[in-house]
PDB file of N, CA and C in Angstrom:
ATOM      1  N   MET A   1     -18.157  14.793   5.169  1.00  0.00           N
ATOM      2  CA  MET A   1     -16.784  14.321   5.285  1.00  0.00           C
ATOM      3  C   MET A   1     -16.575  13.147   4.328  1.00  0.00           C
ATOM      4  N   ASN A   2     -15.454  13.135   3.634  1.00  0.00           N
ATOM      5  CA  ASN A   2     -15.148  12.070   2.680  1.00  0.00           C
ATOM      6  C   ASN A   2     -14.629  10.841   3.400  1.00  0.00           C
ATOM      7  N   LYS A   3     -15.057   9.673   2.931  1.00  0.00           N
ATOM      8  CA  LYS A   3     -14.548   8.420   3.474  1.00  0.00           C
ATOM      9  C   LYS A   3     -13.251   8.052   2.760  1.00  0.00           C
ATOM     10  N   ILE A   4     -12.356   7.412   3.466  1.00  0.00           N
ATOM     11  CA  ILE A   4     -11.088   6.977   2.878  1.00  0.00           C
ATOM     12  C   ILE A   4     -11.317   5.669   2.137  1.00  0.00           C
ATOM     13  N   ASP A   5     -10.855   5.612   0.895  1.00  0.00           N
ATOM     14  CA  ASP A   5     -10.949   4.391   0.090  1.00  0.00           C
ATOM     15  C   ASP A   5      -9.742   3.519   0.426  1.00  0.00           C
ATOM     16  N   TRP A   6      -9.884   2.656   1.440  1.00  0.00           N
ATOM     17  CA  TRP A   6      -8.769   1.859   1.933  1.00  0.00           C
ATOM     18  C   TRP A   6      -8.269   0.860   0.908  1.00  0.00           C
ATOM     19  N   LYS A   7      -9.174   0.330   0.049  1.00  0.00           N
ATOM     20  CA  LYS A   7      -8.708  -0.612  -0.988  1.00  0.00           C
ATOM     21  C   LYS A   7      -7.690   0.069  -1.886  1.00  0.00           C
ATOM     22  N   ARG A   8      -8.018   1.268  -2.334  1.00  0.00           N
ATOM     23  CA  ARG A   8      -7.123   1.987  -3.226  1.00  0.00           C
ATOM     24  C   ARG A   8      -5.856   2.423  -2.491  1.00  0.00           C
ATOM     25  N   LYS A   9      -6.012   2.874  -1.264  1.00  0.00           N
ATOM     26  CA  LYS A   9      -4.871   3.357  -0.489  1.00  0.00           C
ATOM     27  C   LYS A   9      -3.869   2.237  -0.218  1.00  0.00           C
ATOM     28  N   LEU A  10      -4.360   1.072   0.195  1.00  0.00           N
ATOM     29  CA  LEU A  10      -3.459  -0.032   0.553  1.00  0.00           C
ATOM     30  C   LEU A  10      -2.811  -0.704  -0.653  1.00  0.00           C
ATOM     31  N   THR A  11      -3.323  -0.455  -1.837  1.00  0.00           N
ATOM     32  CA  THR A  11      -2.692  -1.007  -3.036  1.00  0.00           C
ATOM     33  C   THR A  11      -1.851   0.035  -3.773  1.00  0.00           C
ATOM     34  N   SER A  12      -1.707   1.211  -3.197  1.00  0.00           N
ATOM     35  CA  SER A  12      -0.951   2.295  -3.824  1.00  0.00           C
ATOM     36  C   SER A  12       0.536   2.182  -3.505  1.00  0.00           C
ATOM     37  N   ARG A  13       1.355   2.153  -4.537  1.00  0.00           N
ATOM     38  CA  ARG A  13       2.808   2.124  -4.332  1.00  0.00           C
ATOM     39  C   ARG A  13       3.286   3.407  -3.667  1.00  0.00           C
ATOM     40  N   LYS A  14       2.680   4.529  -4.035  1.00  0.00           N
ATOM     41  CA  LYS A  14       3.078   5.808  -3.442  1.00  0.00           C
ATOM     42  C   LYS A  14       2.833   5.814  -1.933  1.00  0.00           C
ATOM     43  N   PHE A  15       1.719   5.249  -1.506  1.00  0.00           N
ATOM     44  CA  PHE A  15       1.419   5.184  -0.082  1.00  0.00           C
ATOM     45  C   PHE A  15       2.484   4.389   0.663  1.00  0.00           C
ATOM     46  N   TRP A  16       2.833   3.213   0.130  1.00  0.00           N
ATOM     47  CA  TRP A  16       3.805   2.365   0.815  1.00  0.00           C
ATOM     48  C   TRP A  16       5.202   2.976   0.796  1.00  0.00           C
ATOM     49  N   LEU A  17       5.561   3.661  -0.284  1.00  0.00           N
ATOM     50  CA  LEU A  17       6.856   4.341  -0.308  1.00  0.00           C
ATOM     51  C   LEU A  17       6.885   5.471   0.714  1.00  0.00           C
ATOM     52  N   ALA A  18       5.760   6.157   0.890  1.00  0.00           N
ATOM     53  CA  ALA A  18       5.691   7.199   1.914  1.00  0.00           C
ATOM     54  C   ALA A  18       5.840   6.603   3.310  1.00  0.00           C
ATOM     55  N   VAL A  19       5.222   5.444   3.547  1.00  0.00           N
ATOM     56  CA  VAL A  19       5.357   4.770   4.838  1.00  0.00           C
ATOM     57  C   VAL A  19       6.816   4.385   5.079  1.00  0.00           C
ATOM     58  N   VAL A  20       7.469   3.796   4.072  1.00  0.00           N
ATOM     59  CA  VAL A  20       8.874   3.407   4.204  1.00  0.00           C
ATOM     60  C   VAL A  20       9.744   4.640   4.464  1.00  0.00           C
ATOM     61  N   ALA A  21       9.505   5.712   3.724  1.00  0.00           N
ATOM     62  CA  ALA A  21      10.299   6.931   3.903  1.00  0.00           C
ATOM     63  C   ALA A  21      10.135   7.485   5.315  1.00  0.00           C
ATOM     64  N   PHE A  22       8.918   7.480   5.819  1.00  0.00           N
ATOM     65  CA  PHE A  22       8.674   7.991   7.169  1.00  0.00           C
ATOM     66  C   PHE A  22       9.360   7.124   8.222  1.00  0.00           C
ATOM     67  N   VAL A  23       9.155   5.816   8.136  1.00  0.00           N
ATOM     68  CA  VAL A  23       9.720   4.907   9.142  1.00  0.00           C
ATOM     69  C   VAL A  23      11.246   4.924   9.105  1.00  0.00           C
ATOM     70  N   THR A  24      11.818   4.861   7.911  1.00  0.00           N
ATOM     71  CA  THR A  24      13.286   4.864   7.835  1.00  0.00           C
ATOM     72  C   THR A  24      13.849   6.213   8.271  1.00  0.00           C
ATOM     73  N   GLY A  25      13.147   7.293   7.976  1.00  0.00           N
ATOM     74  CA  GLY A  25      13.587   8.611   8.439  1.00  0.00           C
ATOM     75  C   GLY A  25      13.629   8.695   9.958  1.00  0.00           C
ATOM     76  N   ILE A  26      12.603   8.155  10.598  1.00  0.00           N
ATOM     77  CA  ILE A  26      12.570   8.121  12.064  1.00  0.00           C
ATOM     78  C   ILE A  26      13.727   7.272  12.598  1.00  0.00           C
ATOM     79  N   MET A  27      13.971   6.131  11.958  1.00  0.00           N
ATOM     80  CA  MET A  27      15.046   5.255  12.413  1.00  0.00           C
ATOM     81  C   MET A  27      16.411   5.921  12.267  1.00  0.00           C
ATOM     82  N   VAL A  28      16.620   6.630  11.173  1.00  0.00           N
ATOM     83  CA  VAL A  28      17.883   7.341  10.975  1.00  0.00           C
ATOM     84  C   VAL A  28      18.041   8.441  12.025  1.00  0.00           C
ATOM     85  N   ALA A  29      16.937   9.129  12.334  1.00  0.00           N
ATOM     86  CA  ALA A  29      16.995  10.195  13.344  1.00  0.00           C
ATOM     87  C   ALA A  29      17.396   9.648  14.710  1.00  0.00           C
ATOM     88  N   PHE A  30      17.004   8.412  14.987  1.00  0.00           N
ATOM     89  CA  PHE A  30      17.372   7.787  16.255  1.00  0.00           C
ATOM     90  C   PHE A  30      18.666   6.977  16.162  1.00  0.00           C
ATOM     91  N   LYS A  31      19.404   7.206  15.071  1.00  0.00           N
ATOM     92  CA  LYS A  31      20.728   6.604  14.869  1.00  0.00           C
ATOM     93  C   LYS A  31      20.737   5.076  14.912  1.00  0.00           C
ATOM     94  N   VAL A  32      19.723   4.478  14.287  1.00  0.00           N
ATOM     95  CA  VAL A  32      19.678   3.018  14.146  1.00  0.00           C
ATOM     96  C   VAL A  32      20.662   2.645  13.039  1.00  0.00           C
ATOM     97  N   ASP A  33      21.345   1.522  13.182  1.00  0.00           N
ATOM     98  CA  ASP A  33      22.361   1.151  12.186  1.00  0.00           C
ATOM     99  C   ASP A  33      21.725   0.898  10.811  1.00  0.00           C
ATOM    100  N   ALA A  34      22.523   1.111   9.765  1.00  0.00           N
ATOM    101  CA  ALA A  34      22.043   1.066   8.385  1.00  0.00           C
ATOM    102  C   ALA A  34      21.455  -0.288   8.003  1.00  0.00           C
ATOM    103  N   GLU A  35      22.044  -1.374   8.488  1.00  0.00           N
ATOM    104  CA  GLU A  35      21.528  -2.708   8.156  1.00  0.00           C
ATOM    105  C   GLU A  35      20.104  -2.897   8.654  1.00  0.00           C
ATOM    106  N   THR A  36      19.828  -2.412   9.855  1.00  0.00           N
ATOM    107  CA  THR A  36      18.487  -2.535  10.416  1.00  0.00           C
ATOM    108  C   THR A  36      17.499  -1.679   9.635  1.00  0.00           C
ATOM    109  N   VAL A  37      17.914  -0.466   9.273  1.00  0.00           N
ATOM    110  CA  VAL A  37      17.044   0.430   8.489  1.00  0.00           C
ATOM    111  C   VAL A  37      16.686  -0.225   7.159  1.00  0.00           C
ATOM    112  N   GLU A  38      17.672  -0.809   6.487  1.00  0.00           N
ATOM    113  CA  GLU A  38      17.417  -1.494   5.212  1.00  0.00           C
ATOM    114  C   GLU A  38      16.486  -2.682   5.397  1.00  0.00           C
ATOM    115  N   ALA A  39      16.704  -3.440   6.446  1.00  0.00           N
ATOM    116  CA  ALA A  39      15.869  -4.624   6.703  1.00  0.00           C
ATOM    117  C   ALA A  39      14.415  -4.220   6.967  1.00  0.00           C
ATOM    118  N   VAL A  40      14.220  -3.186   7.762  1.00  0.00           N
ATOM    119  CA  VAL A  40      12.857  -2.740   8.068  1.00  0.00           C
ATOM    120  C   VAL A  40      12.179  -2.202   6.805  1.00  0.00           C
ATOM    121  N   GLY A  41      12.898  -1.419   5.997  1.00  0.00           N
ATOM    122  CA  GLY A  41      12.335  -0.914   4.745  1.00  0.00           C
ATOM    123  C   GLY A  41      11.928  -2.043   3.806  1.00  0.00           C
ATOM    124  N   GLY A  42      12.781  -3.042   3.706  1.00  0.00           N
ATOM    125  CA  GLY A  42      12.462  -4.206   2.872  1.00  0.00           C
ATOM    126  C   GLY A  42      11.279  -4.988   3.403  1.00  0.00           C
ATOM    127  N   LEU A  43      11.207  -5.116   4.716  1.00  0.00           N
ATOM    128  CA  LEU A  43      10.091  -5.828   5.342  1.00  0.00           C
ATOM    129  C   LEU A  43       8.757  -5.119   5.081  1.00  0.00           C
ATOM    130  N   ILE A  44       8.758  -3.800   5.194  1.00  0.00           N
ATOM    131  CA  ILE A  44       7.525  -3.040   4.928  1.00  0.00           C
ATOM    132  C   ILE A  44       7.101  -3.217   3.475  1.00  0.00           C
ATOM    133  N   MET A  45       8.041  -3.117   2.543  1.00  0.00           N
ATOM    134  CA  MET A  45       7.681  -3.253   1.122  1.00  0.00           C
ATOM    135  C   MET A  45       7.225  -4.675   0.794  1.00  0.00           C
ATOM    136  N   SER A  46       7.814  -5.667   1.426  1.00  0.00           N
ATOM    137  CA  SER A  46       7.366  -7.050   1.219  1.00  0.00           C
ATOM    138  C   SER A  46       5.947  -7.229   1.737  1.00  0.00           C
ATOM    139  N   GLY A  47       5.683  -6.679   2.907  1.00  0.00           N
ATOM    140  CA  GLY A  47       4.327  -6.735   3.461  1.00  0.00           C
ATOM    141  C   GLY A  47       3.329  -6.014   2.581  1.00  0.00           C
ATOM    142  N   ALA A  48       3.744  -4.891   2.013  1.00  0.00           N
ATOM    143  CA  ALA A  48       2.867  -4.129   1.126  1.00  0.00           C
ATOM    144  C   ALA A  48       2.516  -4.942  -0.120  1.00  0.00           C
ATOM    145  N   ALA A  49       3.484  -5.669  -0.641  1.00  0.00           N
ATOM    146  CA  ALA A  49       3.225  -6.500  -1.818  1.00  0.00           C
ATOM    147  C   ALA A  49       2.200  -7.584  -1.496  1.00  0.00           C
ATOM    148  N   VAL A  50       2.301  -8.175  -0.318  1.00  0.00           N
ATOM    149  CA  VAL A  50       1.349  -9.214   0.094  1.00  0.00           C
ATOM    150  C   VAL A  50      -0.050  -8.621   0.247  1.00  0.00           C
ATOM    151  N   VAL A  51      -0.141  -7.460   0.894  1.00  0.00           N
ATOM    152  CA  VAL A  51      -1.446  -6.805   1.081  1.00  0.00           C
ATOM    153  C   VAL A  51      -2.075  -6.477  -0.270  1.00  0.00           C
ATOM    154  N   ALA A  52      -1.296  -5.890  -1.183  1.00  0.00           N
ATOM    155  CA  ALA A  52      -1.814  -5.542  -2.507  1.00  0.00           C
ATOM    156  C   ALA A  52      -2.276  -6.787  -3.265  1.00  0.00           C
ATOM    157  N   TYR A  53      -1.519  -7.878  -3.170  1.00  0.00           N
ATOM    158  CA  TYR A  53      -1.890  -9.119  -3.844  1.00  0.00           C
ATOM    159  C   TYR A  53      -3.198  -9.669  -3.287  1.00  0.00           C
ATOM    160  N   ILE A  54      -3.327  -9.695  -1.967  1.00  0.00           N
ATOM    161  CA  ILE A  54      -4.543 -10.225  -1.351  1.00  0.00           C
ATOM    162  C   ILE A  54      -5.759  -9.402  -1.746  1.00  0.00           C
ATOM    163  N   ILE A  55      -5.637  -8.082  -1.697  1.00  0.00           N
ATOM    164  CA  ILE A  55      -6.770  -7.232  -2.082  1.00  0.00           C
ATOM    165  C   ILE A  55      -7.096  -7.416  -3.559  1.00  0.00           C
ATOM    166  N   GLY A  56      -6.070  -7.444  -4.398  1.00  0.00           N
ATOM    167  CA  GLY A  56      -6.297  -7.637  -5.836  1.00  0.00           C
ATOM    168  C   GLY A  56      -6.971  -8.954  -6.145  1.00  0.00           C
ATOM    169  N   GLU A  57      -6.517 -10.023  -5.515  1.00  0.00           N
ATOM    170  CA  GLU A  57      -7.136 -11.332  -5.729  1.00  0.00           C
ATOM    171  C   GLU A  57      -8.566 -11.370  -5.201  1.00  0.00           C
ATOM    172  N   GLY A  58      -8.800 -10.708  -4.088  1.00  0.00           N
ATOM    173  CA  GLY A  58     -10.160 -10.638  -3.546  1.00  0.00           C
ATOM    174  C   GLY A  58     -11.099  -9.926  -4.490  1.00  0.00           C
ATOM    175  N   LEU A  59     -10.630  -8.833  -5.102  1.00  0.00           N
ATOM    176  CA  LEU A  59     -11.450  -8.111  -6.075  1.00  0.00           C
ATOM    177  C   LEU A  59     -11.704  -8.959  -7.321  1.00  0.00           C
ATOM    178  N   ALA A  60     -10.677  -9.672  -7.764  1.00  0.00           N
ATOM    179  CA  ALA A  60     -10.841 -10.538  -8.934  1.00  0.00           C
ATOM    180  C   ALA A  60     -11.817 -11.673  -8.638  1.00  0.00           C
ATOM    181  N   ASP A  61     -11.702 -12.272  -7.467  1.00  0.00           N
ATOM    182  CA  ASP A  61     -12.618 -13.345  -7.085  1.00  0.00           C
ATOM    183  C   ASP A  61     -14.052 -12.839  -6.982  1.00  0.00           C
ATOM    184  N   ALA A  62     -14.217 -11.638  -6.425  1.00  0.00           N
ATOM    185  CA  ALA A  62     -15.558 -11.057  -6.308  1.00  0.00           C
ATOM    186  C   ALA A  62     -16.151 -10.796  -7.691  1.00  0.00           C
ATOM    187  N   ALA A  63     -15.317 -10.314  -8.617  1.00  0.00           N
ATOM    188  CA  ALA A  63     -15.801 -10.045  -9.977  1.00  0.00           C
ATOM    189  C   ALA A  63     -16.187 -11.351 -10.669  1.00  0.00           C
ATOM    190  N   ASN A  64     -15.400 -12.404 -10.475  1.00  0.00           N
ATOM    191  CA  ASN A  64     -15.706 -13.697 -11.096  1.00  0.00           C
ATOM    192  C   ASN A  64     -16.952 -14.340 -10.501  1.00  0.00           C
ATOM    193  N   ALA A  65     -17.243 -14.004  -9.247  1.00  0.00           N
ATOM    194  CA  ALA A  65     -18.426 -14.563  -8.595  1.00  0.00           C
ATOM    195  C   ALA A  65     -19.684 -13.782  -8.960  1.00  0.00           C
ATOM    196  N   GLY A  66     -19.522 -12.682  -9.682  1.00  0.00           N
ATOM    197  CA  GLY A  66     -20.667 -11.915 -10.135  1.00  0.00           C
ATOM    198  C   GLY A  66     -21.054 -10.755  -9.241  1.00  0.00           C
ATOM    199  N   TYR A  67     -20.240 -10.448  -8.244  1.00  0.00           N
ATOM    200  CA  TYR A  67     -20.531  -9.300  -7.395  1.00  0.00           C
ATOM    201  C   TYR A  67     -20.198  -8.023  -8.141  1.00  0.00           C
ATOM    202  N   ILE A  68     -20.926  -6.974  -7.853  1.00  0.00           N
ATOM    203  CA  ILE A  68     -20.663  -5.676  -8.474  1.00  0.00           C
ATOM    204  C   ILE A  68     -19.594  -4.970  -7.653  1.00  0.00           C
ATOM    205  N   ILE A  69     -18.521  -4.575  -8.322  1.00  0.00           N
ATOM    206  CA  ILE A  69     -17.430  -3.878  -7.662  1.00  0.00           C
ATOM    207  C   ILE A  69     -17.508  -2.422  -8.071  1.00  0.00           C
ATOM    208  N   GLU A  70     -17.497  -1.537  -7.065  1.00  0.00           N
ATOM    209  CA  GLU A  70     -17.583  -0.108  -7.337  1.00  0.00           C
ATOM    210  C   GLU A  70     -16.338   0.335  -8.081  1.00  0.00           C
ATOM    211  N   GLU A  71     -16.538   1.019  -9.206  1.00  0.00           N
ATOM    212  CA  GLU A  71     -15.411   1.471 -10.008  1.00  0.00           C
ATOM    213  C   GLU A  71     -14.837   2.754  -9.441  1.00  0.00           C
ATOM    214  N   VAL A  72     -13.518   2.916  -9.585  1.00  0.00           N
ATOM    215  CA  VAL A  72     -12.856   4.136  -9.167  1.00  0.00           C
ATOM    216  C   VAL A  72     -13.023   5.156 -10.283  1.00  0.00           C
ATOM    217  N   PRO A  73     -13.432   6.391  -9.962  1.00  0.00           N
ATOM    218  CA  PRO A  73     -13.558   7.405 -11.009  1.00  0.00           C
ATOM    219  C   PRO A  73     -12.242   7.580 -11.746  1.00  0.00           C
ATOM    220  N   GLU A  74     -12.317   7.887 -13.023  1.00  0.00           N
ATOM    221  CA  GLU A  74     -11.118   7.951 -13.861  1.00  0.00           C
ATOM    222  C   GLU A  74     -10.095   8.938 -13.320  1.00  0.00           C
ATOM    223  N   GLU A  75     -10.530  10.087 -12.819  1.00  0.00           N
ATOM    224  CA  GLU A  75      -9.583  11.069 -12.302  1.00  0.00           C
ATOM    225  C   GLU A  75      -8.841  10.549 -11.080  1.00  0.00           C
ATOM    226  N   ALA A  76      -9.485   9.719 -10.265  1.00  0.00           N
ATOM    227  CA  ALA A  76      -8.824   9.140  -9.088  1.00  0.00           C
ATOM    228  C   ALA A  76      -7.808   8.091  -9.505  1.00  0.00           C
ATOM    229  N   SER A  77      -8.089   7.336 -10.557  1.00  0.00           N
ATOM    230  CA  SER A  77      -7.176   6.276 -10.975  1.00  0.00           C
ATOM    231  C   SER A  77      -5.914   6.846 -11.602  1.00  0.00           C
ATOM    232  N   GLU A  78      -5.954   8.097 -12.083  1.00  0.00           N
ATOM    233  CA  GLU A  78      -4.777   8.716 -12.688  1.00  0.00           C
ATOM    234  C   GLU A  78      -3.787   9.178 -11.637  1.00  0.00           C
ATOM    235  N   GLU A  79      -4.208   9.281 -10.357  1.00  0.00           N
ATOM    236  CA  GLU A  79      -3.327   9.718  -9.295  1.00  0.00           C
ATOM    237  C   GLU A  79      -2.253   8.697  -8.995  1.00  0.00           C
ATOM    238  N   ASN A  80      -2.492   7.411  -9.245  1.00  0.00           N
ATOM    239  CA  ASN A  80      -1.513   6.354  -8.916  1.00  0.00           C
ATOM    240  C   ASN A  80      -0.663   6.026 -10.069  1.00  0.00           C
TER     241      ASN A  80
END
């Protein structure tokens, strides 16, 4: 069984857009007002930016400290 690469997944714009699309779709189905749907979508994307920044900075700090960071295969990096 393949393990999920959470670092790559949590820094993927496509992943976060899929999360926003799913959550806002559910909210629309339950007839939540448009202002709330927009606010929740914006909140998720803001949170995603913070998560991506923290992971990116952590990887940069690890590289500067001399730790070996596992590289993503080239074919996987083309998916994002």
